[in-house]
């Protein structure tokens, strides 16, 4: 199940307050600035800094490339 579009419009990284990319098929939100992902569990975004996963450069590039290729827009315009 995908996240509600209205929810996506207001979701921001809890640390830098910037927009995120919703990678639906992997059930995560990605912050390319901090190279961090936030998991979505049972259709609920887990927006806790302590539970975020910092990804390496290769994974961050893969996620950004995936978002770009799929035309995924950030949750809002910064």
Protein backbone atom coordinates (compact mmCIF):
# COMPACT_ATOMS: atom_id res chain seq x y z
CA UNK A 1 0.00 0.00 0.00
CA UNK A 2 1.29 3.47 -0.75
CA UNK A 3 1.37 6.45 1.58
CA UNK A 4 -1.38 9.05 1.43
CA UNK A 5 -0.39 11.87 -0.95
CA UNK A 6 -1.49 14.47 1.64
CA UNK A 7 0.89 12.92 4.18
CA UNK A 8 3.73 12.98 1.65
CA UNK A 9 3.20 16.72 1.13
CA UNK A 10 4.14 17.43 4.75
CA UNK A 11 6.78 14.78 5.46
CA UNK A 12 10.23 16.20 6.13
CA UNK A 13 13.45 14.86 7.56
CA UNK A 14 13.28 15.27 11.34
CA UNK A 15 16.94 16.31 11.45
CA UNK A 16 17.49 18.79 8.61
CA UNK A 17 13.78 19.55 7.95
CA UNK A 18 14.31 19.05 4.22
CA UNK A 19 12.29 17.06 1.68
CA UNK A 20 12.48 13.30 1.25
CA UNK A 21 12.05 10.89 -1.63
CA UNK A 22 9.43 8.18 -1.19
CA UNK A 23 10.81 4.93 -2.64
CA UNK A 24 7.53 3.04 -2.57
CA UNK A 25 8.71 -0.39 -3.74
CA UNK A 26 11.37 -0.45 -0.99
CA UNK A 27 9.06 1.07 1.64
CA UNK A 28 11.42 3.84 2.68
CA UNK A 29 11.92 7.56 2.65
CA UNK A 30 15.33 8.79 1.50
CA UNK A 31 17.16 11.97 2.45
CA UNK A 32 19.94 12.44 -0.12
CA UNK A 33 21.52 15.34 1.77
CA UNK A 34 22.28 13.28 4.87
CA UNK A 35 22.41 9.93 3.02
CA UNK A 36 19.81 8.59 5.39
CA UNK A 37 16.74 6.39 5.01
CA UNK A 38 13.62 6.14 7.14
CA UNK A 39 11.77 2.84 7.10
CA UNK A 40 8.03 2.52 6.56
CA UNK A 41 6.51 -0.18 8.75
CA UNK A 42 2.88 -1.24 8.41
CA UNK A 43 2.23 1.84 6.24
CA UNK A 44 3.60 4.16 8.95
CA UNK A 45 6.79 6.18 8.35
CA UNK A 46 9.22 5.75 11.23
CA UNK A 47 10.52 9.31 11.44
CA UNK A 48 12.83 8.89 14.41
CA UNK A 49 16.43 10.02 13.97
CA UNK A 50 17.66 7.18 16.19
CA UNK A 51 15.97 4.61 13.94
CA UNK A 52 17.16 6.06 10.64
CA UNK A 53 19.79 4.22 8.62
CA UNK A 54 22.78 6.05 7.22
CA UNK A 55 23.72 4.59 3.84
CA UNK A 56 27.08 4.57 2.11
CA UNK A 57 27.87 6.60 -1.01
CA UNK A 58 27.08 3.72 -3.39
CA UNK A 59 23.66 3.10 -1.83
CA UNK A 60 22.84 6.81 -1.75
CA UNK A 61 23.72 7.06 -5.44
CA UNK A 62 21.60 3.98 -6.24
CA UNK A 63 18.59 5.44 -4.43
CA UNK A 64 19.01 8.85 -6.06
CA UNK A 65 19.39 7.25 -9.50
CA UNK A 66 16.29 5.15 -8.84
CA UNK A 67 14.29 8.23 -7.83
CA UNK A 68 15.50 10.15 -10.88
CA UNK A 69 14.79 7.27 -13.30
CA UNK A 70 11.28 6.78 -11.88
CA UNK A 71 10.51 10.48 -11.86
CA UNK A 72 10.01 10.50 -8.11
CA UNK A 73 9.63 14.03 -6.84
CA UNK A 74 10.67 15.16 -3.35
CA UNK A 75 7.92 15.40 -0.74
CA UNK A 76 7.97 19.18 -1.14
CA UNK A 77 10.06 21.85 -2.80
CA UNK A 78 12.71 23.29 -0.48
